[in-house]
Amino acid sequence: LALCDGFTGCNDVTTASVVGLVSRAISCLSPCLTDLSVRVLIL
């Protein structure tokens, strides 16, 4: 919740760019995530 409250917005970001970052890099940060959980996050 503190992580959420500390976020105030970000510029130069699009939904497509966030999807791309998650697709490429989330397994490096959270290798325990299943393929389904990553797919759900992208959706």
PDB file of all heavy atoms in Angstrom:
ATOM      1  N   LEU A   1       0.831  -1.208   0.000  1.00  0.00           N
ATOM      2  CA  LEU A   1       0.000   0.000   0.000  1.00  0.00           C
ATOM      3  C   LEU A   1       0.866   1.258   0.000  1.00  0.00           C
ATOM      4  O   LEU A   1       0.532   2.256  -0.657  1.00  0.00           O
ATOM      5  CB  LEU A   1      -0.920   0.000   1.212  1.00  0.00           C
ATOM      6  CG  LEU A   1      -2.010  -1.085   1.249  1.00  0.00           C
ATOM      7  CD1 LEU A   1      -2.858  -0.942   2.508  1.00  0.00           C
ATOM      8  CD2 LEU A   1      -2.890  -1.025   0.000  1.00  0.00           C
ATOM      9  N   ALA A   2       1.982   1.208   0.727  1.00  0.00           N
ATOM     10  CA  ALA A   2       2.894   2.357   0.744  1.00  0.00           C
ATOM     11  C   ALA A   2       3.492   2.595  -0.635  1.00  0.00           C
ATOM     12  O   ALA A   2       3.693   3.747  -1.055  1.00  0.00           O
ATOM     13  CB  ALA A   2       4.004   2.124   1.766  1.00  0.00           C
ATOM     14  N   LEU A   3       3.762   1.506  -1.354  1.00  0.00           N
ATOM     15  CA  LEU A   3       4.267   1.623  -2.718  1.00  0.00           C
ATOM     16  C   LEU A   3       3.244   2.331  -3.596  1.00  0.00           C
ATOM     17  O   LEU A   3       3.592   3.195  -4.409  1.00  0.00           O
ATOM     18  CB  LEU A   3       4.581   0.235  -3.269  1.00  0.00           C
ATOM     19  CG  LEU A   3       5.128   0.148  -4.695  1.00  0.00           C
ATOM     20  CD1 LEU A   3       6.516   0.789  -4.783  1.00  0.00           C
ATOM     21  CD2 LEU A   3       5.189  -1.304  -5.155  1.00  0.00           C
ATOM     22  N   CYS A   4       1.980   1.982  -3.431  1.00  0.00           N
ATOM     23  CA  CYS A   4       0.902   2.630  -4.192  1.00  0.00           C
ATOM     24  C   CYS A   4       0.789   4.103  -3.839  1.00  0.00           C
ATOM     25  O   CYS A   4       0.699   4.967  -4.719  1.00  0.00           O
ATOM     26  CB  CYS A   4      -0.427   1.937  -3.907  1.00  0.00           C
ATOM     27  SG  CYS A   4      -0.604   0.322  -4.665  1.00  0.00           S
ATOM     28  N   ASP A   5       0.787   4.383  -2.547  1.00  0.00           N
ATOM     29  CA  ASP A   5       0.599   5.761  -2.097  1.00  0.00           C
ATOM     30  C   ASP A   5       1.747   6.660  -2.530  1.00  0.00           C
ATOM     31  O   ASP A   5       1.569   7.868  -2.698  1.00  0.00           O
ATOM     32  CB  ASP A   5       0.457   5.795  -0.573  1.00  0.00           C
ATOM     33  CG  ASP A   5      -0.818   5.123  -0.088  1.00  0.00           C
ATOM     34  OD1 ASP A   5      -1.746   4.969  -0.910  1.00  0.00           O
ATOM     35  OD2 ASP A   5      -0.871   4.716   1.091  1.00  0.00           O
ATOM     36  N   GLY A   6       2.933   6.071  -2.720  1.00  0.00           N
ATOM     37  CA  GLY A   6       4.088   6.868  -3.121  1.00  0.00           C
ATOM     38  C   GLY A   6       4.135   7.163  -4.606  1.00  0.00           C
ATOM     39  O   GLY A   6       4.967   7.957  -5.060  1.00  0.00           O
ATOM     40  N   PHE A   7       3.238   6.553  -5.374  1.00  0.00           N
ATOM     41  CA  PHE A   7       3.232   6.774  -6.818  1.00  0.00           C
ATOM     42  C   PHE A   7       2.322   7.937  -7.163  1.00  0.00           C
ATOM     43  O   PHE A   7       1.147   7.964  -6.794  1.00  0.00           O
ATOM     44  CB  PHE A   7       2.758   5.516  -7.541  1.00  0.00           C
ATOM     45  CG  PHE A   7       2.650   5.691  -9.024  1.00  0.00           C
ATOM     46  CD1 PHE A   7       3.788   5.785  -9.801  1.00  0.00           C
ATOM     47  CD2 PHE A   7       1.408   5.782  -9.641  1.00  0.00           C
ATOM     48  CE1 PHE A   7       3.695   5.956 -11.184  1.00  0.00           C
ATOM     49  CE2 PHE A   7       1.310   5.948 -11.014  1.00  0.00           C
ATOM     50  CZ  PHE A   7       2.452   6.035 -11.781  1.00  0.00           C
ATOM     51  N   THR A   8       2.847   8.908  -7.897  1.00  0.00           N
ATOM     52  CA  THR A   8       2.072  10.105  -8.233  1.00  0.00           C
ATOM     53  C   THR A   8       1.874  10.272  -9.733  1.00  0.00           C
ATOM     54  O   THR A   8       1.352  11.287 -10.175  1.00  0.00           O
ATOM     55  CB  THR A   8       2.768  11.359  -7.671  1.00  0.00           C
ATOM     56  OG1 THR A   8       4.106  11.424  -8.189  1.00  0.00           O
ATOM     57  CG2 THR A   8       2.809  11.316  -6.145  1.00  0.00           C
ATOM     58  N   GLY A   9       2.292   9.285 -10.517  1.00  0.00           N
ATOM     59  CA  GLY A   9       2.131   9.367 -11.965  1.00  0.00           C
ATOM     60  C   GLY A   9       3.468   9.355 -12.668  1.00  0.00           C
ATOM     61  O   GLY A   9       4.515   9.622 -12.075  1.00  0.00           O
ATOM     62  N   CYS A  10       3.441   9.009 -13.953  1.00  0.00           N
ATOM     63  CA  CYS A  10       4.679   8.982 -14.747  1.00  0.00           C
ATOM     64  C   CYS A  10       4.377   9.460 -16.161  1.00  0.00           C
ATOM     65  O   CYS A  10       3.309   9.199 -16.706  1.00  0.00           O
ATOM     66  CB  CYS A  10       5.281   7.579 -14.768  1.00  0.00           C
ATOM     67  SG  CYS A  10       4.125   6.275 -15.235  1.00  0.00           S
ATOM     68  N   ASN A  11       5.330  10.181 -16.731  1.00  0.00           N
ATOM     69  CA  ASN A  11       5.178  10.719 -18.074  1.00  0.00           C
ATOM     70  C   ASN A  11       5.835   9.804 -19.100  1.00  0.00           C
ATOM     71  O   ASN A  11       6.613   8.916 -18.767  1.00  0.00           O
ATOM     72  CB  ASN A  11       5.797  12.118 -18.143  1.00  0.00           C
ATOM     73  CG  ASN A  11       5.101  13.102 -17.223  1.00  0.00           C
ATOM     74  OD1 ASN A  11       3.871  13.095 -17.120  1.00  0.00           O
ATOM     75  ND2 ASN A  11       5.875  13.948 -16.558  1.00  0.00           N
ATOM     76  N   ASP A  12       5.529  10.064 -20.353  1.00  0.00           N
ATOM     77  CA  ASP A  12       6.141   9.332 -21.463  1.00  0.00           C
ATOM     78  C   ASP A  12       5.949   7.828 -21.344  1.00  0.00           C
ATOM     79  O   ASP A  12       6.862   7.039 -21.630  1.00  0.00           O
ATOM     80  CB  ASP A  12       7.641   9.655 -21.563  1.00  0.00           C
ATOM     81  CG  ASP A  12       7.892  11.146 -21.767  1.00  0.00           C
ATOM     82  OD1 ASP A  12       7.077  11.780 -22.469  1.00  0.00           O
ATOM     83  OD2 ASP A  12       8.880  11.661 -21.223  1.00  0.00           O
ATOM     84  N   VAL A  13       4.782   7.431 -20.883  1.00  0.00           N
ATOM     85  CA  VAL A  13       4.464   6.004 -20.729  1.00  0.00           C
ATOM     86  C   VAL A  13       3.163   5.720 -21.461  1.00  0.00           C
ATOM     87  O   VAL A  13       2.204   6.485 -21.377  1.00  0.00           O
ATOM     88  CB  VAL A  13       4.322   5.618 -19.238  1.00  0.00           C
ATOM     89  CG1 VAL A  13       3.817   4.187 -19.109  1.00  0.00           C
ATOM     90  CG2 VAL A  13       5.659   5.762 -18.526  1.00  0.00           C
ATOM     91  N   THR A  14       3.138   4.623 -22.184  1.00  0.00           N
ATOM     92  CA  THR A  14       1.916   4.171 -22.840  1.00  0.00           C
ATOM     93  C   THR A  14       1.619   2.749 -22.388  1.00  0.00           C
ATOM     94  O   THR A  14       2.498   2.046 -21.873  1.00  0.00           O
ATOM     95  CB  THR A  14       2.056   4.185 -24.370  1.00  0.00           C
ATOM     96  OG1 THR A  14       3.057   3.222 -24.758  1.00  0.00           O
ATOM     97  CG2 THR A  14       2.448   5.559 -24.871  1.00  0.00           C
ATOM     98  N   THR A  15       0.389   2.344 -22.578  1.00  0.00           N
ATOM     99  CA  THR A  15       0.016   0.977 -22.208  1.00  0.00           C
ATOM    100  C   THR A  15       0.859  -0.038 -22.978  1.00  0.00           C
ATOM    101  O   THR A  15       1.316  -1.032 -22.422  1.00  0.00           O
ATOM    102  CB  THR A  15      -1.482   0.747 -22.483  1.00  0.00           C
ATOM    103  OG1 THR A  15      -2.243   1.626 -21.627  1.00  0.00           O
ATOM    104  CG2 THR A  15      -1.881  -0.691 -22.202  1.00  0.00           C
ATOM    105  N   ALA A  16       1.088   0.220 -24.249  1.00  0.00           N
ATOM    106  CA  ALA A  16       1.881  -0.701 -25.064  1.00  0.00           C
ATOM    107  C   ALA A  16       3.310  -0.818 -24.554  1.00  0.00           C
ATOM    108  O   ALA A  16       3.888  -1.919 -24.530  1.00  0.00           O
ATOM    109  CB  ALA A  16       1.879  -0.249 -26.519  1.00  0.00           C
ATOM    110  N   SER A  17       3.904   0.296 -24.136  1.00  0.00           N
ATOM    111  CA  SER A  17       5.285   0.253 -23.649  1.00  0.00           C
ATOM    112  C   SER A  17       5.375  -0.513 -22.335  1.00  0.00           C
ATOM    113  O   SER A  17       6.359  -1.233 -22.094  1.00  0.00           O
ATOM    114  CB  SER A  17       5.835   1.666 -23.474  1.00  0.00           C
ATOM    115  OG  SER A  17       5.170   2.365 -22.439  1.00  0.00           O
ATOM    116  N   VAL A  18       4.369  -0.380 -21.486  1.00  0.00           N
ATOM    117  CA  VAL A  18       4.364  -1.117 -20.215  1.00  0.00           C
ATOM    118  C   VAL A  18       4.208  -2.610 -20.476  1.00  0.00           C
ATOM    119  O   VAL A  18       4.889  -3.437 -19.854  1.00  0.00           O
ATOM    120  CB  VAL A  18       3.250  -0.597 -19.283  1.00  0.00           C
ATOM    121  CG1 VAL A  18       3.196  -1.435 -17.995  1.00  0.00           C
ATOM    122  CG2 VAL A  18       3.482   0.864 -18.940  1.00  0.00           C
ATOM    123  N   VAL A  19       3.325  -2.964 -21.402  1.00  0.00           N
ATOM    124  CA  VAL A  19       3.164  -4.379 -21.770  1.00  0.00           C
ATOM    125  C   VAL A  19       4.488  -4.943 -22.271  1.00  0.00           C
ATOM    126  O   VAL A  19       4.880  -6.061 -21.916  1.00  0.00           O
ATOM    127  CB  VAL A  19       2.060  -4.541 -22.839  1.00  0.00           C
ATOM    128  CG1 VAL A  19       2.099  -5.948 -23.430  1.00  0.00           C
ATOM    129  CG2 VAL A  19       0.693  -4.276 -22.229  1.00  0.00           C
ATOM    130  N   GLY A  20       5.192  -4.171 -23.097  1.00  0.00           N
ATOM    131  CA  GLY A  20       6.474  -4.626 -23.617  1.00  0.00           C
ATOM    132  C   GLY A  20       7.497  -4.857 -22.517  1.00  0.00           C
ATOM    133  O   GLY A  20       8.214  -5.863 -22.525  1.00  0.00           O
ATOM    134  N   LEU A  21       7.574  -3.936 -21.567  1.00  0.00           N
ATOM    135  CA  LEU A  21       8.513  -4.084 -20.461  1.00  0.00           C
ATOM    136  C   LEU A  21       8.191  -5.307 -19.617  1.00  0.00           C
ATOM    137  O   LEU A  21       9.084  -6.071 -19.227  1.00  0.00           O
ATOM    138  CB  LEU A  21       8.498  -2.829 -19.593  1.00  0.00           C
ATOM    139  CG  LEU A  21       9.292  -1.622 -20.094  1.00  0.00           C
ATOM    140  CD1 LEU A  21       9.029  -0.413 -19.210  1.00  0.00           C
ATOM    141  CD2 LEU A  21      10.784  -1.946 -20.119  1.00  0.00           C
ATOM    142  N   VAL A  22       6.915  -5.486 -19.314  1.00  0.00           N
ATOM    143  CA  VAL A  22       6.504  -6.633 -18.501  1.00  0.00           C
ATOM    144  C   VAL A  22       6.832  -7.931 -19.230  1.00  0.00           C
ATOM    145  O   VAL A  22       7.358  -8.880 -18.632  1.00  0.00           O
ATOM    146  CB  VAL A  22       4.999  -6.549 -18.172  1.00  0.00           C
ATOM    147  CG1 VAL A  22       4.492  -7.873 -17.575  1.00  0.00           C
ATOM    148  CG2 VAL A  22       4.744  -5.409 -17.192  1.00  0.00           C
ATOM    149  N   SER A  23       6.538  -7.986 -20.507  1.00  0.00           N
ATOM    150  CA  SER A  23       6.790  -9.197 -21.286  1.00  0.00           C
ATOM    151  C   SER A  23       8.269  -9.565 -21.288  1.00  0.00           C
ATOM    152  O   SER A  23       8.632 -10.734 -21.192  1.00  0.00           O
ATOM    153  CB  SER A  23       6.300  -9.022 -22.725  1.00  0.00           C
ATOM    154  OG  SER A  23       4.914  -8.759 -22.762  1.00  0.00           O
ATOM    155  N   ARG A  24       9.140  -8.546 -21.391  1.00  0.00           N
ATOM    156  CA  ARG A  24      10.577  -8.809 -21.511  1.00  0.00           C
ATOM    157  C   ARG A  24      11.259  -9.043 -20.184  1.00  0.00           C
ATOM    158  O   ARG A  24      12.165  -9.870 -20.100  1.00  0.00           O
ATOM    159  CB  ARG A  24      11.270  -7.629 -22.219  1.00  0.00           C
ATOM    160  CG  ARG A  24      10.876  -7.426 -23.654  1.00  0.00           C
ATOM    161  CD  ARG A  24      11.875  -6.532 -24.375  1.00  0.00           C
ATOM    162  NE  ARG A  24      12.071  -5.263 -23.710  1.00  0.00           N
ATOM    163  CZ  ARG A  24      11.328  -4.176 -23.906  1.00  0.00           C
ATOM    164  NH1 ARG A  24      10.307  -4.226 -24.745  1.00  0.00           N
ATOM    165  NH2 ARG A  24      11.582  -3.044 -23.282  1.00  0.00           N
ATOM    166  N   ALA A  25      10.848  -8.326 -19.151  1.00  0.00           N
ATOM    167  CA  ALA A  25      11.698  -8.244 -17.963  1.00  0.00           C
ATOM    168  C   ALA A  25      11.114  -8.758 -16.660  1.00  0.00           C
ATOM    169  O   ALA A  25      11.861  -8.923 -15.695  1.00  0.00           O
ATOM    170  CB  ALA A  25      12.140  -6.789 -17.775  1.00  0.00           C
ATOM    171  N   ILE A  26       9.820  -9.013 -16.583  1.00  0.00           N
ATOM    172  CA  ILE A  26       9.257  -9.346 -15.277  1.00  0.00           C
ATOM    173  C   ILE A  26       9.798 -10.669 -14.738  1.00  0.00           C
ATOM    174  O   ILE A  26       9.932 -10.854 -13.522  1.00  0.00           O
ATOM    175  CB  ILE A  26       7.712  -9.367 -15.326  1.00  0.00           C
ATOM    176  CG1 ILE A  26       7.140  -9.292 -13.902  1.00  0.00           C
ATOM    177  CG2 ILE A  26       7.200 -10.594 -16.076  1.00  0.00           C
ATOM    178  CD1 ILE A  26       5.659  -9.048 -13.838  1.00  0.00           C
ATOM    179  N   SER A  27      10.140 -11.608 -15.618  1.00  0.00           N
ATOM    180  CA  SER A  27      10.673 -12.894 -15.152  1.00  0.00           C
ATOM    181  C   SER A  27      12.023 -12.724 -14.481  1.00  0.00           C
ATOM    182  O   SER A  27      12.421 -13.549 -13.655  1.00  0.00           O
ATOM    183  CB  SER A  27      10.794 -13.870 -16.327  1.00  0.00           C
ATOM    184  OG  SER A  27      11.687 -13.364 -17.304  1.00  0.00           O
ATOM    185  N   CYS A  28      12.738 -11.654 -14.812  1.00  0.00           N
ATOM    186  CA  CYS A  28      14.022 -11.371 -14.178  1.00  0.00           C
ATOM    187  C   CYS A  28      13.825 -10.875 -12.746  1.00  0.00           C
ATOM    188  O   CYS A  28      14.598 -11.205 -11.852  1.00  0.00           O
ATOM    189  CB  CYS A  28      14.787 -10.345 -15.005  1.00  0.00           C
ATOM    190  SG  CYS A  28      16.459  -9.993 -14.417  1.00  0.00           S
ATOM    191  N   LEU A  29      12.781 -10.092 -12.525  1.00  0.00           N
ATOM    192  CA  LEU A  29      12.498  -9.542 -11.196  1.00  0.00           C
ATOM    193  C   LEU A  29      11.710 -10.507 -10.320  1.00  0.00           C
ATOM    194  O   LEU A  29      11.912 -10.554  -9.111  1.00  0.00           O
ATOM    195  CB  LEU A  29      11.724  -8.229 -11.334  1.00  0.00           C
ATOM    196  CG  LEU A  29      12.452  -7.084 -12.038  1.00  0.00           C
ATOM    197  CD1 LEU A  29      11.514  -5.904 -12.232  1.00  0.00           C
ATOM    198  CD2 LEU A  29      13.688  -6.664 -11.248  1.00  0.00           C
ATOM    199  N   SER A  30      10.800 -11.265 -10.930  1.00  0.00           N
ATOM    200  CA  SER A  30       9.961 -12.207 -10.179  1.00  0.00           C
ATOM    201  C   SER A  30       9.939 -13.550 -10.904  1.00  0.00           C
ATOM    202  O   SER A  30       8.967 -13.898 -11.565  1.00  0.00           O
ATOM    203  CB  SER A  30       8.529 -11.661 -10.029  1.00  0.00           C
ATOM    204  OG  SER A  30       8.510 -10.465  -9.286  1.00  0.00           O
ATOM    205  N   PRO A  31      11.018 -14.318 -10.794  1.00  0.00           N
ATOM    206  CA  PRO A  31      11.092 -15.585 -11.534  1.00  0.00           C
ATOM    207  C   PRO A  31      10.068 -16.621 -11.086  1.00  0.00           C
ATOM    208  O   PRO A  31       9.836 -17.590 -11.802  1.00  0.00           O
ATOM    209  CB  PRO A  31      12.524 -16.073 -11.241  1.00  0.00           C
ATOM    210  CG  PRO A  31      12.932 -15.354  -9.993  1.00  0.00           C
ATOM    211  CD  PRO A  31      12.239 -14.036 -10.028  1.00  0.00           C
ATOM    212  N   CYS A  32       9.453 -16.399  -9.919  1.00  0.00           N
ATOM    213  CA  CYS A  32       8.477 -17.363  -9.423  1.00  0.00           C
ATOM    214  C   CYS A  32       7.124 -17.242 -10.112  1.00  0.00           C
ATOM    215  O   CYS A  32       6.278 -18.127 -10.003  1.00  0.00           O
ATOM    216  CB  CYS A  32       8.286 -17.181  -7.920  1.00  0.00           C
ATOM    217  SG  CYS A  32       7.584 -15.575  -7.507  1.00  0.00           S
ATOM    218  N   LEU A  33       6.883 -16.147 -10.833  1.00  0.00           N
ATOM    219  CA  LEU A  33       5.578 -15.962 -11.460  1.00  0.00           C
ATOM    220  C   LEU A  33       5.332 -17.026 -12.525  1.00  0.00           C
ATOM    221  O   LEU A  33       6.212 -17.355 -13.307  1.00  0.00           O
ATOM    222  CB  LEU A  33       5.478 -14.577 -12.097  1.00  0.00           C
ATOM    223  CG  LEU A  33       5.447 -13.378 -11.141  1.00  0.00           C
ATOM    224  CD1 LEU A  33       5.366 -12.082 -11.926  1.00  0.00           C
ATOM    225  CD2 LEU A  33       4.294 -13.484 -10.156  1.00  0.00           C
ATOM    226  N   THR A  34       4.119 -17.535 -12.552  1.00  0.00           N
ATOM    227  CA  THR A  34       3.754 -18.521 -13.563  1.00  0.00           C
ATOM    228  C   THR A  34       3.431 -17.819 -14.879  1.00  0.00           C
ATOM    229  O   THR A  34       3.207 -16.607 -14.920  1.00  0.00           O
ATOM    230  CB  THR A  34       2.526 -19.319 -13.117  1.00  0.00           C
ATOM    231  OG1 THR A  34       1.411 -18.408 -12.970  1.00  0.00           O
ATOM    232  CG2 THR A  34       2.772 -20.005 -11.776  1.00  0.00           C
ATOM    233  N   ASP A  35       3.411 -18.603 -15.957  1.00  0.00           N
ATOM    234  CA  ASP A  35       3.040 -18.039 -17.260  1.00  0.00           C
ATOM    235  C   ASP A  35       1.636 -17.436 -17.202  1.00  0.00           C
ATOM    236  O   ASP A  35       1.379 -16.390 -17.807  1.00  0.00           O
ATOM    237  CB  ASP A  35       3.094 -19.115 -18.339  1.00  0.00           C
ATOM    238  CG  ASP A  35       4.523 -19.561 -18.640  1.00  0.00           C
ATOM    239  OD1 ASP A  35       5.460 -18.827 -18.275  1.00  0.00           O
ATOM    240  OD2 ASP A  35       4.686 -20.642 -19.239  1.00  0.00           O
ATOM    241  N   LEU A  36       0.745 -18.095 -16.478  1.00  0.00           N
ATOM    242  CA  LEU A  36      -0.626 -17.588 -16.367  1.00  0.00           C
ATOM    243  C   LEU A  36      -0.662 -16.260 -15.636  1.00  0.00           C
ATOM    244  O   LEU A  36      -1.361 -15.328 -16.055  1.00  0.00           O
ATOM    245  CB  LEU A  36      -1.521 -18.605 -15.661  1.00  0.00           C
ATOM    246  CG  LEU A  36      -2.963 -18.145 -15.412  1.00  0.00           C
ATOM    247  CD1 LEU A  36      -3.673 -17.827 -16.722  1.00  0.00           C
ATOM    248  CD2 LEU A  36      -3.736 -19.197 -14.613  1.00  0.00           C
ATOM    249  N   SER A  37       0.077 -16.139 -14.549  1.00  0.00           N
ATOM    250  CA  SER A  37       0.054 -14.885 -13.790  1.00  0.00           C
ATOM    251  C   SER A  37       0.607 -13.727 -14.619  1.00  0.00           C
ATOM    252  O   SER A  37       0.087 -12.612 -14.558  1.00  0.00           O
ATOM    253  CB  SER A  37       0.839 -15.038 -12.479  1.00  0.00           C
ATOM    254  OG  SER A  37       2.182 -15.391 -12.727  1.00  0.00           O
ATOM    255  N   VAL A  38       1.642 -13.985 -15.418  1.00  0.00           N
ATOM    256  CA  VAL A  38       2.177 -12.933 -16.285  1.00  0.00           C
ATOM    257  C   VAL A  38       1.147 -12.565 -17.350  1.00  0.00           C
ATOM    258  O   VAL A  38       0.942 -11.381 -17.648  1.00  0.00           O
ATOM    259  CB  VAL A  38       3.491 -13.390 -16.941  1.00  0.00           C
ATOM    260  CG1 VAL A  38       3.984 -12.337 -17.942  1.00  0.00           C
ATOM    261  CG2 VAL A  38       4.560 -13.634 -15.882  1.00  0.00           C
ATOM    262  N   ARG A  39       0.486 -13.572 -17.910  1.00  0.00           N
ATOM    263  CA  ARG A  39      -0.548 -13.318 -18.921  1.00  0.00           C
ATOM    264  C   ARG A  39      -1.693 -12.501 -18.321  1.00  0.00           C
ATOM    265  O   ARG A  39      -2.195 -11.564 -18.960  1.00  0.00           O
ATOM    266  CB  ARG A  39      -1.073 -14.650 -19.466  1.00  0.00           C
ATOM    267  CG  ARG A  39      -2.233 -14.535 -20.438  1.00  0.00           C
ATOM    268  CD  ARG A  39      -1.870 -13.748 -21.665  1.00  0.00           C
ATOM    269  NE  ARG A  39      -2.971 -13.659 -22.616  1.00  0.00           N
ATOM    270  CZ  ARG A  39      -3.178 -12.633 -23.404  1.00  0.00           C
ATOM    271  NH1 ARG A  39      -2.364 -11.587 -23.381  1.00  0.00           N
ATOM    272  NH2 ARG A  39      -4.203 -12.617 -24.249  1.00  0.00           N
ATOM    273  N   VAL A  40      -2.090 -12.831 -17.105  1.00  0.00           N
ATOM    274  CA  VAL A  40      -3.164 -12.089 -16.445  1.00  0.00           C
ATOM    275  C   VAL A  40      -2.740 -10.644 -16.207  1.00  0.00           C
ATOM    276  O   VAL A  40      -3.531  -9.707 -16.438  1.00  0.00           O
ATOM    277  CB  VAL A  40      -3.549 -12.770 -15.112  1.00  0.00           C
ATOM    278  CG1 VAL A  40      -4.435 -11.857 -14.267  1.00  0.00           C
ATOM    279  CG2 VAL A  40      -4.272 -14.092 -15.378  1.00  0.00           C
ATOM    280  N   LEU A  41      -1.510 -10.438 -15.776  1.00  0.00           N
ATOM    281  CA  LEU A  41      -1.036  -9.074 -15.541  1.00  0.00           C
ATOM    282  C   LEU A  41      -1.060  -8.263 -16.838  1.00  0.00           C
ATOM    283  O   LEU A  41      -1.475  -7.102 -16.845  1.00  0.00           O
ATOM    284  CB  LEU A  41       0.376  -9.103 -14.954  1.00  0.00           C
ATOM    285  CG  LEU A  41       0.998  -7.737 -14.663  1.00  0.00           C
ATOM    286  CD1 LEU A  41       0.135  -6.934 -13.696  1.00  0.00           C
ATOM    287  CD2 LEU A  41       2.416  -7.896 -14.118  1.00  0.00           C
ATOM    288  N   ILE A  42      -0.625  -8.868 -17.926  1.00  0.00           N
ATOM    289  CA  ILE A  42      -0.644  -8.168 -19.214  1.00  0.00           C
ATOM    290  C   ILE A  42      -2.072  -7.813 -19.616  1.00  0.00           C
ATOM    291  O   ILE A  42      -2.348  -6.709 -20.101  1.00  0.00           O
ATOM    292  CB  ILE A  42       0.044  -9.022 -20.294  1.00  0.00           C
ATOM    293  CG1 ILE A  42       1.550  -9.072 -20.027  1.00  0.00           C
ATOM    294  CG2 ILE A  42      -0.232  -8.468 -21.690  1.00  0.00           C
ATOM    295  CD1 ILE A  42       2.307 -10.010 -20.940  1.00  0.00           C
ATOM    296  N   LEU A  43      -3.003  -8.736 -19.398  1.00  0.00           N
ATOM    297  CA  LEU A  43      -4.410  -8.454 -19.711  1.00  0.00           C
ATOM    298  C   LEU A  43      -4.938  -7.298 -18.867  1.00  0.00           C
ATOM    299  O   LEU A  43      -5.683  -6.441 -19.362  1.00  0.00           O
ATOM    300  CB  LEU A  43      -5.256  -9.702 -19.475  1.00  0.00           C
ATOM    301  CG  LEU A  43      -5.120 -10.826 -20.505  1.00  0.00           C
ATOM    302  CD1 LEU A  43      -5.861 -12.075 -20.029  1.00  0.00           C
ATOM    303  CD2 LEU A  43      -5.664 -10.379 -21.862  1.00  0.00           C
TER     304      LEU A  43
END
